[in-house]
Amino acid sequence: TEPAIRGVCIASGASYISLDNTTANRIYRTAGQLQIDTTEKLYVAGSTVFGAHDGSDVLHINRYSSGYPNAVIYAGDSDRDVPVSLVFGTRNASGVVADHVIIDPDGNVGIGTTSPTMDLAVVGSAMGIERYHATDTYSPAVMMRKAGGTEASPSIVADGELLGSIRFQGWTDTWRDGANIQAEVDGTPSSGADLPTALTFLTTPDGTG
């Protein structure tokens, strides 16, 4: 009989530890890997730090099968209806740990802020977005797309619809628009290549707040 120690069973002649005196829930080492045969593959409570010290720490998440090609990270328990954010932080050269990227429960992404109010919020003293491409095939670009219907089944846009805009805001007693660049459908589009569009630059004169 395998000796049980507080619910943990050490298998005689085997390279695994059984959690409930069965082979269905066991921890074993094979080919240099630690494998866990449980529904919750690894559950850790508390402020626990995992680390490797070989100079190239890597977290590698394998796909489940060829029919399920995604590697997935979920924040929160699957059986608890509690909003949970996913946070990514780093440690600087002075040893200070800080949160830098967050995905909130609604899917908003924050960089430099833990309270994003839009799909993507970027906050920083030297804030900028850089896009570089080294070949002549494609140039750096920011694309804004607009359609009726849905993304899966889009329909033609109409005269007067905004295709996209860039808003410049400043703080007074609240965030207020100072200038705006917007692209607007200027005519009746056709189902072919005809998309008449006007580009408008809007500014705010002094004394019109």
N, C-alpha and C. Protein backbone atom coordinates (compact mmCIF):
# COMPACT_ATOMS: atom_id res chain seq x y z
N THR A 1 0.85 -1.20 0.00
CA THR A 1 0.00 0.00 0.00
C THR A 1 0.88 1.23 0.00
N GLU A 2 0.53 2.22 -0.80
CA GLU A 2 1.31 3.44 -0.89
C GLU A 2 1.09 4.26 0.37
N PRO A 3 2.16 4.72 1.03
CA PRO A 3 2.00 5.48 2.27
C PRO A 3 1.40 6.84 2.01
N ALA A 4 0.33 7.19 2.74
CA ALA A 4 -0.35 8.48 2.59
C ALA A 4 0.10 9.42 3.70
N ILE A 5 0.42 10.68 3.32
CA ILE A 5 0.83 11.67 4.29
C ILE A 5 -0.06 12.89 4.12
N ARG A 6 -1.05 13.04 5.02
CA ARG A 6 -1.98 14.17 4.97
C ARG A 6 -2.61 14.32 3.59
N GLY A 7 -3.06 13.26 3.00
CA GLY A 7 -3.72 13.30 1.72
C GLY A 7 -2.78 13.23 0.53
N VAL A 8 -1.47 13.25 0.77
CA VAL A 8 -0.50 13.13 -0.31
C VAL A 8 0.07 11.73 -0.30
N CYS A 9 0.06 11.08 -1.44
CA CYS A 9 0.54 9.71 -1.53
C CYS A 9 1.80 9.65 -2.38
N ILE A 10 2.85 9.09 -1.84
CA ILE A 10 4.10 8.92 -2.56
C ILE A 10 4.13 7.52 -3.14
N ALA A 11 4.14 7.43 -4.45
CA ALA A 11 4.04 6.13 -5.10
C ALA A 11 5.36 5.37 -4.98
N SER A 12 5.26 4.10 -4.61
CA SER A 12 6.44 3.26 -4.51
C SER A 12 6.92 2.88 -5.90
N GLY A 13 8.20 3.14 -6.18
CA GLY A 13 8.77 2.76 -7.46
C GLY A 13 8.31 3.61 -8.62
N ALA A 14 7.59 4.71 -8.36
CA ALA A 14 7.12 5.58 -9.43
C ALA A 14 7.65 6.99 -9.20
N SER A 15 7.71 7.77 -10.29
CA SER A 15 8.28 9.11 -10.19
C SER A 15 7.19 10.18 -10.12
N TYR A 16 6.19 9.94 -9.26
CA TYR A 16 5.15 10.94 -9.10
C TYR A 16 4.63 10.94 -7.67
N ILE A 17 3.96 12.06 -7.33
CA ILE A 17 3.28 12.20 -6.05
C ILE A 17 1.79 12.28 -6.34
N SER A 18 1.01 11.40 -5.71
CA SER A 18 -0.43 11.41 -5.92
C SER A 18 -1.09 12.32 -4.89
N LEU A 19 -2.06 13.14 -5.35
CA LEU A 19 -2.72 14.08 -4.45
C LEU A 19 -3.90 13.47 -3.73
N ASP A 20 -4.47 12.40 -4.24
CA ASP A 20 -5.64 11.79 -3.60
C ASP A 20 -5.60 10.26 -3.67
N ASN A 21 -4.37 9.72 -3.65
CA ASN A 21 -4.16 8.26 -3.66
C ASN A 21 -4.66 7.62 -4.95
N THR A 22 -4.68 8.40 -6.05
CA THR A 22 -5.03 7.85 -7.36
C THR A 22 -4.01 8.34 -8.36
N THR A 23 -4.02 7.73 -9.53
CA THR A 23 -3.12 8.18 -10.59
C THR A 23 -3.75 9.26 -11.45
N ALA A 24 -5.02 9.62 -11.15
CA ALA A 24 -5.70 10.64 -11.95
C ALA A 24 -5.24 12.04 -11.58
N ASN A 25 -4.86 12.23 -10.32
CA ASN A 25 -4.43 13.54 -9.87
C ASN A 25 -3.04 13.41 -9.28
N ARG A 26 -2.05 13.63 -10.10
CA ARG A 26 -0.69 13.40 -9.66
C ARG A 26 0.25 14.46 -10.22
N ILE A 27 1.38 14.61 -9.56
CA ILE A 27 2.45 15.49 -10.00
C ILE A 27 3.65 14.61 -10.27
N TYR A 28 4.23 14.71 -11.46
CA TYR A 28 5.37 13.86 -11.77
C TYR A 28 6.35 14.59 -12.68
N ARG A 29 7.56 14.10 -12.68
CA ARG A 29 8.63 14.71 -13.46
C ARG A 29 9.01 13.76 -14.58
N THR A 30 9.05 14.32 -15.80
CA THR A 30 9.44 13.52 -16.94
C THR A 30 10.15 14.39 -17.95
N ALA A 31 11.28 13.91 -18.42
CA ALA A 31 12.06 14.62 -19.45
C ALA A 31 12.36 16.06 -19.04
N GLY A 32 12.64 16.25 -17.75
CA GLY A 32 12.99 17.57 -17.28
C GLY A 32 11.81 18.51 -17.10
N GLN A 33 10.58 17.99 -17.17
CA GLN A 33 9.40 18.81 -17.03
C GLN A 33 8.59 18.36 -15.82
N LEU A 34 7.93 19.32 -15.16
CA LEU A 34 7.02 19.02 -14.07
C LEU A 34 5.61 19.04 -14.63
N GLN A 35 4.93 17.92 -14.59
CA GLN A 35 3.60 17.80 -15.18
C GLN A 35 2.59 17.54 -14.08
N ILE A 36 1.39 18.15 -14.23
CA ILE A 36 0.35 18.05 -13.23
C ILE A 36 -0.92 17.54 -13.91
N ASP A 37 -1.45 16.42 -13.43
CA ASP A 37 -2.66 15.85 -14.00
C ASP A 37 -3.87 16.21 -13.14
N THR A 38 -4.37 17.43 -13.28
CA THR A 38 -5.56 17.88 -12.56
C THR A 38 -6.38 18.76 -13.48
N THR A 39 -7.63 19.02 -13.09
CA THR A 39 -8.46 19.92 -13.89
C THR A 39 -7.90 21.33 -13.88
N GLU A 40 -7.63 21.86 -12.67
CA GLU A 40 -6.91 23.12 -12.54
C GLU A 40 -5.43 22.77 -12.54
N LYS A 41 -4.76 22.91 -13.69
CA LYS A 41 -3.40 22.41 -13.84
C LYS A 41 -2.47 22.91 -12.74
N LEU A 42 -2.61 24.18 -12.35
CA LEU A 42 -1.81 24.71 -11.24
C LEU A 42 -2.59 25.85 -10.62
N TYR A 43 -2.88 25.74 -9.34
CA TYR A 43 -3.63 26.77 -8.65
C TYR A 43 -2.77 27.29 -7.51
N VAL A 44 -2.49 28.60 -7.49
CA VAL A 44 -1.65 29.19 -6.47
C VAL A 44 -2.39 30.35 -5.84
N ALA A 45 -2.48 30.37 -4.50
CA ALA A 45 -3.13 31.45 -3.78
C ALA A 45 -2.08 32.29 -3.07
N GLY A 46 -2.34 33.61 -3.00
CA GLY A 46 -1.41 34.47 -2.29
C GLY A 46 -0.46 35.18 -3.23
N SER A 47 0.42 35.99 -2.64
CA SER A 47 1.40 36.74 -3.42
C SER A 47 2.62 35.86 -3.66
N THR A 48 2.57 35.13 -4.74
CA THR A 48 3.62 34.17 -5.04
C THR A 48 4.40 34.63 -6.27
N VAL A 49 5.70 34.51 -6.21
CA VAL A 49 6.56 34.92 -7.31
C VAL A 49 7.20 33.68 -7.92
N PHE A 50 7.09 33.54 -9.22
CA PHE A 50 7.75 32.47 -9.94
C PHE A 50 8.92 33.09 -10.69
N GLY A 51 10.05 32.43 -10.68
CA GLY A 51 11.19 33.00 -11.37
C GLY A 51 12.19 31.95 -11.78
N ALA A 52 12.86 32.23 -12.86
CA ALA A 52 14.00 31.44 -13.29
C ALA A 52 15.19 32.37 -13.33
N HIS A 53 16.38 31.86 -13.14
CA HIS A 53 17.55 32.73 -12.99
C HIS A 53 18.66 32.33 -13.96
N ASP A 54 18.29 32.11 -15.20
CA ASP A 54 19.29 31.74 -16.19
C ASP A 54 19.61 32.90 -17.12
N GLY A 55 19.08 34.09 -16.81
CA GLY A 55 19.33 35.25 -17.64
C GLY A 55 18.40 35.41 -18.81
N SER A 56 17.52 34.45 -19.02
CA SER A 56 16.57 34.54 -20.14
C SER A 56 15.24 33.92 -19.70
N ASP A 57 14.61 34.52 -18.70
CA ASP A 57 13.36 33.99 -18.17
C ASP A 57 12.27 34.03 -19.23
N VAL A 58 11.59 32.90 -19.40
CA VAL A 58 10.59 32.79 -20.45
C VAL A 58 9.36 32.06 -19.91
N LEU A 59 8.20 32.60 -20.21
CA LEU A 59 6.95 31.89 -19.96
C LEU A 59 6.41 31.44 -21.31
N HIS A 60 6.37 30.14 -21.52
CA HIS A 60 5.98 29.58 -22.81
C HIS A 60 4.64 28.87 -22.63
N ILE A 61 3.63 29.31 -23.38
CA ILE A 61 2.30 28.70 -23.31
C ILE A 61 2.05 27.97 -24.62
N ASN A 62 1.95 26.65 -24.55
CA ASN A 62 1.71 25.85 -25.74
C ASN A 62 0.23 25.83 -26.09
N ARG A 63 -0.08 25.64 -27.36
CA ARG A 63 -1.46 25.47 -27.76
C ARG A 63 -1.94 24.09 -27.32
N TYR A 64 -3.26 23.97 -27.18
CA TYR A 64 -3.83 22.72 -26.69
C TYR A 64 -3.76 21.62 -27.74
N SER A 65 -4.11 21.95 -28.98
CA SER A 65 -4.10 20.96 -30.06
C SER A 65 -4.09 21.71 -31.39
N SER A 66 -3.92 20.97 -32.47
CA SER A 66 -3.92 21.61 -33.79
C SER A 66 -5.28 22.20 -34.13
N GLY A 67 -6.35 21.65 -33.51
CA GLY A 67 -7.69 22.18 -33.74
C GLY A 67 -8.01 23.39 -32.89
N TYR A 68 -7.14 23.70 -31.92
CA TYR A 68 -7.33 24.87 -31.06
C TYR A 68 -6.00 25.60 -31.00
N PRO A 69 -5.71 26.44 -31.99
CA PRO A 69 -4.36 26.97 -32.18
C PRO A 69 -3.99 28.14 -31.28
N ASN A 70 -4.87 28.57 -30.35
CA ASN A 70 -4.59 29.76 -29.56
C ASN A 70 -3.95 29.42 -28.22
N ALA A 71 -2.99 30.24 -27.80
CA ALA A 71 -2.48 30.20 -26.44
C ALA A 71 -3.24 31.26 -25.65
N VAL A 72 -3.82 30.90 -24.52
CA VAL A 72 -4.79 31.76 -23.84
C VAL A 72 -4.35 32.07 -22.42
N ILE A 73 -4.51 33.32 -22.01
CA ILE A 73 -4.36 33.73 -20.62
C ILE A 73 -5.66 34.37 -20.19
N TYR A 74 -6.29 33.83 -19.15
CA TYR A 74 -7.52 34.39 -18.61
C TYR A 74 -7.26 34.94 -17.21
N ALA A 75 -7.85 36.07 -16.88
CA ALA A 75 -7.78 36.64 -15.55
C ALA A 75 -9.10 36.37 -14.83
N GLY A 76 -9.04 35.80 -13.63
CA GLY A 76 -10.25 35.54 -12.86
C GLY A 76 -10.63 34.07 -12.87
N ASP A 77 -11.39 33.67 -11.87
CA ASP A 77 -11.86 32.29 -11.76
C ASP A 77 -13.06 32.08 -12.68
N SER A 78 -13.12 30.91 -13.29
CA SER A 78 -14.20 30.61 -14.23
C SER A 78 -15.54 30.44 -13.52
N ASP A 79 -15.54 30.17 -12.21
CA ASP A 79 -16.79 29.93 -11.49
C ASP A 79 -17.19 31.10 -10.59
N ARG A 80 -16.56 32.26 -10.77
CA ARG A 80 -16.90 33.41 -9.95
C ARG A 80 -17.21 34.61 -10.83
N ASP A 81 -18.39 35.21 -10.62
CA ASP A 81 -18.80 36.37 -11.41
C ASP A 81 -18.25 37.65 -10.77
N VAL A 82 -16.94 37.82 -10.84
CA VAL A 82 -16.26 38.96 -10.25
C VAL A 82 -15.40 39.60 -11.34
N PRO A 83 -15.51 40.91 -11.57
CA PRO A 83 -14.68 41.55 -12.60
C PRO A 83 -13.21 41.53 -12.21
N VAL A 84 -12.37 41.13 -13.14
CA VAL A 84 -10.93 41.01 -12.88
C VAL A 84 -10.17 41.62 -14.06
N SER A 85 -9.14 42.41 -13.75
CA SER A 85 -8.28 42.97 -14.77
C SER A 85 -7.02 42.13 -14.90
N LEU A 86 -6.36 42.24 -16.06
CA LEU A 86 -5.09 41.57 -16.29
C LEU A 86 -4.03 42.65 -16.39
N VAL A 87 -3.00 42.59 -15.50
CA VAL A 87 -2.01 43.65 -15.39
C VAL A 87 -0.63 43.11 -15.72
N PHE A 88 0.15 43.90 -16.46
CA PHE A 88 1.53 43.57 -16.78
C PHE A 88 2.43 44.66 -16.20
N GLY A 89 3.43 44.27 -15.42
CA GLY A 89 4.34 45.24 -14.82
C GLY A 89 5.78 44.83 -15.02
N THR A 90 6.68 45.75 -14.75
CA THR A 90 8.11 45.48 -14.88
C THR A 90 8.86 46.09 -13.70
N ARG A 91 10.11 45.69 -13.54
CA ARG A 91 10.98 46.22 -12.51
C ARG A 91 12.11 46.99 -13.20
N ASN A 92 12.35 48.24 -12.76
CA ASN A 92 13.40 49.03 -13.39
C ASN A 92 14.76 48.79 -12.74
N ALA A 93 15.78 49.54 -13.20
CA ALA A 93 17.14 49.31 -12.72
C ALA A 93 17.29 49.65 -11.24
N SER A 94 16.39 50.45 -10.69
CA SER A 94 16.44 50.80 -9.26
C SER A 94 15.67 49.82 -8.40
N GLY A 95 15.10 48.79 -9.02
CA GLY A 95 14.35 47.79 -8.26
C GLY A 95 12.91 48.15 -8.01
N VAL A 96 12.41 49.21 -8.65
CA VAL A 96 11.04 49.64 -8.44
C VAL A 96 10.12 48.88 -9.41
N VAL A 97 9.09 48.25 -8.87
CA VAL A 97 8.12 47.52 -9.68
C VAL A 97 6.90 48.40 -9.91
N ALA A 98 6.46 48.48 -11.14
CA ALA A 98 5.30 49.32 -11.47
C ALA A 98 4.44 48.62 -12.52
N ASP A 99 3.14 48.90 -12.46
CA ASP A 99 2.21 48.42 -13.48
C ASP A 99 2.28 49.32 -14.70
N HIS A 100 2.39 48.73 -15.88
CA HIS A 100 2.53 49.52 -17.09
C HIS A 100 1.41 49.28 -18.10
N VAL A 101 0.89 48.08 -18.16
CA VAL A 101 -0.16 47.75 -19.12
C VAL A 101 -1.27 47.03 -18.39
N ILE A 102 -2.51 47.41 -18.67
CA ILE A 102 -3.65 46.75 -18.05
C ILE A 102 -4.72 46.48 -19.10
N ILE A 103 -5.36 45.35 -18.99
CA ILE A 103 -6.58 45.04 -19.75
C ILE A 103 -7.69 44.94 -18.72
N ASP A 104 -8.63 45.89 -18.75
CA ASP A 104 -9.65 45.91 -17.71
C ASP A 104 -10.76 44.91 -18.02
N PRO A 105 -11.70 44.71 -17.09
CA PRO A 105 -12.75 43.70 -17.32
C PRO A 105 -13.60 43.92 -18.55
N ASP A 106 -13.64 45.16 -19.07
CA ASP A 106 -14.43 45.45 -20.27
C ASP A 106 -13.61 45.32 -21.55
N GLY A 107 -12.31 44.95 -21.41
CA GLY A 107 -11.46 44.79 -22.60
C GLY A 107 -10.72 46.04 -22.99
N ASN A 108 -10.89 47.15 -22.26
CA ASN A 108 -10.13 48.36 -22.54
C ASN A 108 -8.67 48.15 -22.15
N VAL A 109 -7.76 48.66 -22.97
CA VAL A 109 -6.33 48.50 -22.73
C VAL A 109 -5.74 49.84 -22.31
N GLY A 110 -5.00 49.83 -21.21
CA GLY A 110 -4.34 51.03 -20.73
C GLY A 110 -2.84 50.85 -20.73
N ILE A 111 -2.12 51.82 -21.29
CA ILE A 111 -0.65 51.84 -21.25
C ILE A 111 -0.26 53.09 -20.48
N GLY A 112 0.37 52.91 -19.32
CA GLY A 112 0.71 54.04 -18.48
C GLY A 112 -0.43 54.52 -17.62
N THR A 113 -1.55 53.84 -17.66
CA THR A 113 -2.71 54.15 -16.82
C THR A 113 -3.40 52.85 -16.44
N THR A 114 -3.93 52.80 -15.23
CA THR A 114 -4.66 51.61 -14.78
C THR A 114 -6.16 51.82 -14.86
N SER A 115 -6.59 52.95 -15.43
CA SER A 115 -8.02 53.25 -15.54
C SER A 115 -8.38 53.69 -16.95
N PRO A 116 -8.21 52.82 -17.95
CA PRO A 116 -8.56 53.21 -19.32
C PRO A 116 -10.06 53.38 -19.48
N THR A 117 -10.47 54.41 -20.19
CA THR A 117 -11.89 54.66 -20.44
C THR A 117 -12.26 54.45 -21.90
N MET A 118 -11.28 54.10 -22.74
CA MET A 118 -11.52 53.84 -24.15
C MET A 118 -10.88 52.50 -24.52
N ASP A 119 -11.07 52.09 -25.78
CA ASP A 119 -10.49 50.83 -26.23
C ASP A 119 -8.99 50.80 -25.98
N LEU A 120 -8.31 51.93 -26.23
CA LEU A 120 -6.87 52.04 -25.98
C LEU A 120 -6.59 53.41 -25.40
N ALA A 121 -6.00 53.45 -24.21
CA ALA A 121 -5.62 54.71 -23.56
C ALA A 121 -4.12 54.67 -23.29
N VAL A 122 -3.42 55.69 -23.77
CA VAL A 122 -1.97 55.79 -23.59
C VAL A 122 -1.66 57.06 -22.81
N VAL A 123 -0.97 56.92 -21.67
CA VAL A 123 -0.65 58.06 -20.82
C VAL A 123 0.84 58.01 -20.50
N GLY A 124 1.53 59.15 -20.64
CA GLY A 124 2.95 59.20 -20.30
C GLY A 124 3.51 60.58 -20.54
N SER A 125 4.65 60.87 -19.90
CA SER A 125 5.26 62.19 -20.05
C SER A 125 5.89 62.37 -21.43
N ALA A 126 6.27 61.28 -22.07
CA ALA A 126 6.83 61.35 -23.42
C ALA A 126 6.01 60.44 -24.34
N MET A 127 4.70 60.66 -24.31
CA MET A 127 3.78 59.77 -25.01
C MET A 127 3.97 59.87 -26.52
N GLY A 128 3.97 58.75 -27.18
CA GLY A 128 4.06 58.73 -28.62
C GLY A 128 3.80 57.34 -29.15
N ILE A 129 3.40 57.27 -30.39
CA ILE A 129 3.18 55.99 -31.07
C ILE A 129 4.06 55.99 -32.31
N GLU A 130 4.93 55.00 -32.41
CA GLU A 130 5.87 54.95 -33.53
C GLU A 130 5.58 53.73 -34.39
N ARG A 131 5.60 53.95 -35.68
CA ARG A 131 5.40 52.86 -36.65
C ARG A 131 6.48 52.98 -37.70
N TYR A 132 7.25 51.93 -37.88
CA TYR A 132 8.37 51.96 -38.82
C TYR A 132 8.30 50.75 -39.73
N HIS A 133 8.61 50.96 -41.00
CA HIS A 133 8.68 49.85 -41.94
C HIS A 133 9.91 50.06 -42.82
N ALA A 134 10.70 49.02 -43.00
CA ALA A 134 12.01 49.17 -43.63
C ALA A 134 11.99 48.98 -45.14
N THR A 135 10.88 48.57 -45.72
CA THR A 135 10.86 48.32 -47.16
C THR A 135 9.93 49.32 -47.85
N ASP A 136 9.98 49.35 -49.16
CA ASP A 136 9.14 50.24 -49.95
C ASP A 136 7.77 49.63 -50.26
N THR A 137 7.58 48.35 -49.90
CA THR A 137 6.33 47.69 -50.23
C THR A 137 5.17 48.31 -49.47
N TYR A 138 5.38 48.53 -48.17
CA TYR A 138 4.34 49.15 -47.34
C TYR A 138 4.96 50.30 -46.56
N SER A 139 4.26 51.41 -46.50
CA SER A 139 4.72 52.54 -45.70
C SER A 139 3.99 52.54 -44.37
N PRO A 140 4.58 53.17 -43.33
CA PRO A 140 3.88 53.26 -42.04
C PRO A 140 2.53 53.94 -42.22
N ALA A 141 1.50 53.42 -41.56
CA ALA A 141 0.16 53.94 -41.77
C ALA A 141 -0.69 53.75 -40.53
N VAL A 142 -1.67 54.63 -40.37
CA VAL A 142 -2.73 54.49 -39.38
C VAL A 142 -4.03 54.38 -40.16
N MET A 143 -4.75 53.30 -39.99
CA MET A 143 -5.95 53.07 -40.78
C MET A 143 -7.20 53.19 -39.91
N MET A 144 -8.17 53.97 -40.38
CA MET A 144 -9.48 54.08 -39.76
C MET A 144 -10.51 53.61 -40.77
N ARG A 145 -11.36 52.69 -40.37
CA ARG A 145 -12.35 52.14 -41.29
C ARG A 145 -13.75 52.34 -40.75
N LYS A 146 -14.69 52.63 -41.64
CA LYS A 146 -16.08 52.84 -41.26
C LYS A 146 -16.99 52.14 -42.26
N ALA A 147 -18.02 51.49 -41.76
CA ALA A 147 -19.00 50.83 -42.62
C ALA A 147 -20.31 50.75 -41.87
N GLY A 148 -21.37 50.54 -42.61
CA GLY A 148 -22.62 50.19 -41.98
C GLY A 148 -22.65 48.70 -41.70
N GLY A 149 -23.74 48.22 -41.15
CA GLY A 149 -23.84 46.80 -40.86
C GLY A 149 -22.90 46.38 -39.75
N THR A 150 -22.28 45.22 -39.93
CA THR A 150 -21.35 44.68 -38.94
C THR A 150 -19.99 44.48 -39.59
N GLU A 151 -18.98 44.18 -38.76
CA GLU A 151 -17.66 43.93 -39.32
C GLU A 151 -17.66 42.70 -40.21
N ALA A 152 -18.42 41.69 -39.81
CA ALA A 152 -18.49 40.47 -40.61
C ALA A 152 -19.30 40.66 -41.89
N SER A 153 -20.28 41.56 -41.85
CA SER A 153 -21.12 41.79 -43.02
C SER A 153 -21.31 43.29 -43.20
N PRO A 154 -20.29 44.02 -43.71
CA PRO A 154 -20.37 45.48 -43.82
C PRO A 154 -21.28 45.91 -44.97
N SER A 155 -21.83 47.12 -44.81
CA SER A 155 -22.65 47.71 -45.88
C SER A 155 -22.08 49.08 -46.23
N ILE A 156 -22.51 49.62 -47.35
CA ILE A 156 -21.94 50.84 -47.90
C ILE A 156 -22.22 52.04 -46.99
N VAL A 157 -21.26 52.94 -46.91
CA VAL A 157 -21.44 54.15 -46.11
C VAL A 157 -22.30 55.16 -46.88
N ALA A 158 -22.77 56.19 -46.17
CA ALA A 158 -23.68 57.16 -46.78
C ALA A 158 -23.05 58.55 -46.80
N ASP A 159 -23.60 59.41 -47.61
CA ASP A 159 -23.14 60.80 -47.72
C ASP A 159 -23.26 61.47 -46.34
N GLY A 160 -22.22 62.18 -45.93
CA GLY A 160 -22.24 62.89 -44.66
C GLY A 160 -21.69 62.11 -43.49
N GLU A 161 -21.43 60.83 -43.64
CA GLU A 161 -20.90 60.04 -42.53
C GLU A 161 -19.42 60.33 -42.31
N LEU A 162 -18.99 60.35 -41.05
CA LEU A 162 -17.59 60.53 -40.72
C LEU A 162 -16.85 59.20 -40.86
N LEU A 163 -15.75 59.21 -41.60
CA LEU A 163 -14.94 58.01 -41.75
C LEU A 163 -13.91 57.89 -40.61
N GLY A 164 -13.59 59.02 -40.00
CA GLY A 164 -12.63 59.00 -38.90
C GLY A 164 -12.22 60.41 -38.55
N SER A 165 -11.65 60.56 -37.36
CA SER A 165 -11.21 61.88 -36.94
C SER A 165 -10.06 61.77 -35.95
N ILE A 166 -9.29 62.85 -35.88
CA ILE A 166 -8.24 62.99 -34.88
C ILE A 166 -8.58 64.22 -34.07
N ARG A 167 -8.77 64.05 -32.76
CA ARG A 167 -9.19 65.14 -31.89
C ARG A 167 -8.02 65.55 -30.99
N PHE A 168 -7.84 66.86 -30.86
CA PHE A 168 -6.80 67.41 -29.99
C PHE A 168 -7.49 68.10 -28.82
N GLN A 169 -7.23 67.63 -27.62
CA GLN A 169 -7.90 68.16 -26.44
C GLN A 169 -6.91 68.76 -25.46
N GLY A 170 -7.37 69.73 -24.70
CA GLY A 170 -6.60 70.33 -23.62
C GLY A 170 -7.46 70.46 -22.39
N TRP A 171 -6.82 70.57 -21.22
CA TRP A 171 -7.56 70.65 -19.97
C TRP A 171 -7.79 72.10 -19.58
N THR A 172 -9.06 72.46 -19.32
CA THR A 172 -9.39 73.75 -18.70
C THR A 172 -10.04 73.42 -17.35
N ASP A 173 -11.36 73.37 -17.31
CA ASP A 173 -12.05 72.82 -16.14
C ASP A 173 -12.41 71.36 -16.38
N THR A 174 -12.27 70.93 -17.62
CA THR A 174 -12.45 69.55 -18.03
C THR A 174 -11.69 69.39 -19.34
N TRP A 175 -11.68 68.19 -19.93
CA TRP A 175 -11.04 68.01 -21.23
C TRP A 175 -11.93 68.61 -22.31
N ARG A 176 -11.37 69.53 -23.10
CA ARG A 176 -12.14 70.19 -24.14
C ARG A 176 -11.40 70.10 -25.48
N ASP A 177 -12.20 70.00 -26.56
CA ASP A 177 -11.63 69.94 -27.89
C ASP A 177 -11.03 71.30 -28.26
N GLY A 178 -9.78 71.27 -28.77
CA GLY A 178 -9.16 72.48 -29.28
C GLY A 178 -9.12 72.49 -30.79
N ALA A 179 -8.91 71.33 -31.38
CA ALA A 179 -8.87 71.21 -32.84
C ALA A 179 -9.27 69.80 -33.23
N ASN A 180 -9.61 69.66 -34.50
CA ASN A 180 -10.11 68.37 -34.98
C ASN A 180 -9.79 68.23 -36.46
N ILE A 181 -9.33 67.09 -36.86
CA ILE A 181 -9.16 66.75 -38.28
C ILE A 181 -10.09 65.60 -38.56
N GLN A 182 -10.98 65.74 -39.52
CA GLN A 182 -11.95 64.68 -39.78
C GLN A 182 -12.14 64.45 -41.27
N ALA A 183 -12.40 63.18 -41.59
CA ALA A 183 -12.69 62.78 -42.96
C ALA A 183 -14.17 62.43 -43.05
N GLU A 184 -14.86 63.06 -44.01
CA GLU A 184 -16.31 62.90 -44.13
C GLU A 184 -16.68 62.52 -45.56
N VAL A 185 -17.59 61.57 -45.70
CA VAL A 185 -18.09 61.20 -47.03
C VAL A 185 -18.78 62.41 -47.63
N ASP A 186 -18.33 62.82 -48.82
CA ASP A 186 -18.80 64.06 -49.44
C ASP A 186 -19.45 63.75 -50.79
N GLY A 187 -20.60 63.13 -50.75
CA GLY A 187 -21.28 62.71 -51.97
C GLY A 187 -21.85 61.32 -51.77
N THR A 188 -22.41 60.79 -52.84
CA THR A 188 -23.04 59.48 -52.76
C THR A 188 -22.05 58.41 -53.24
N PRO A 189 -21.60 57.51 -52.34
CA PRO A 189 -20.68 56.46 -52.77
C PRO A 189 -21.39 55.42 -53.63
N SER A 190 -20.61 54.73 -54.43
CA SER A 190 -21.16 53.62 -55.21
C SER A 190 -20.56 52.33 -54.68
N SER A 191 -21.09 51.22 -55.16
CA SER A 191 -20.60 49.91 -54.71
C SER A 191 -19.25 49.56 -55.34
N GLY A 192 -18.76 50.43 -56.26
CA GLY A 192 -17.46 50.19 -56.86
C GLY A 192 -16.39 50.94 -56.10
N ALA A 193 -15.51 51.63 -56.82
CA ALA A 193 -14.37 52.30 -56.19
C ALA A 193 -14.65 53.76 -55.87
N ASP A 194 -15.88 54.23 -56.08
CA ASP A 194 -16.20 55.64 -55.90
C ASP A 194 -16.52 55.93 -54.43
N LEU A 195 -15.67 56.71 -53.76
CA LEU A 195 -15.90 57.11 -52.38
C LEU A 195 -15.49 58.57 -52.22
N PRO A 196 -16.34 59.52 -52.63
CA PRO A 196 -16.00 60.93 -52.51
C PRO A 196 -15.85 61.32 -51.05
N THR A 197 -14.72 61.94 -50.70
CA THR A 197 -14.40 62.23 -49.31
C THR A 197 -13.79 63.60 -49.18
N ALA A 198 -14.19 64.33 -48.15
CA ALA A 198 -13.62 65.63 -47.84
C ALA A 198 -12.85 65.55 -46.53
N LEU A 199 -11.70 66.23 -46.46
CA LEU A 199 -10.89 66.29 -45.25
C LEU A 199 -11.02 67.70 -44.68
N THR A 200 -11.49 67.80 -43.43
CA THR A 200 -11.80 69.08 -42.82
C THR A 200 -10.90 69.31 -41.60
N PHE A 201 -10.35 70.53 -41.50
CA PHE A 201 -9.55 70.93 -40.35
C PHE A 201 -10.36 71.93 -39.53
N LEU A 202 -10.60 71.62 -38.26
CA LEU A 202 -11.40 72.46 -37.40
C LEU A 202 -10.56 72.98 -36.24
N THR A 203 -10.70 74.27 -35.95
CA THR A 203 -9.96 74.87 -34.84
C THR A 203 -10.92 75.67 -33.96
N THR A 204 -10.47 76.07 -32.78
CA THR A 204 -11.28 76.84 -31.85
C THR A 204 -10.68 78.23 -31.67
N PRO A 205 -11.39 79.30 -32.08
CA PRO A 205 -10.89 80.67 -31.91
C PRO A 205 -10.82 81.06 -30.43
N ASP A 206 -10.02 82.03 -30.11
CA ASP A 206 -9.92 82.53 -28.76
C ASP A 206 -11.23 83.17 -28.32
N GLY A 207 -11.64 82.91 -27.08
CA GLY A 207 -12.83 83.52 -26.53
C GLY A 207 -14.13 82.82 -26.87
N THR A 208 -14.07 81.62 -27.45
CA THR A 208 -15.29 80.90 -27.83
C THR A 208 -15.50 79.65 -27.01
N GLY A 209 -14.88 79.57 -25.82
CA GLY A 209 -15.00 78.37 -24.99
C GLY A 209 -16.40 78.22 -24.42
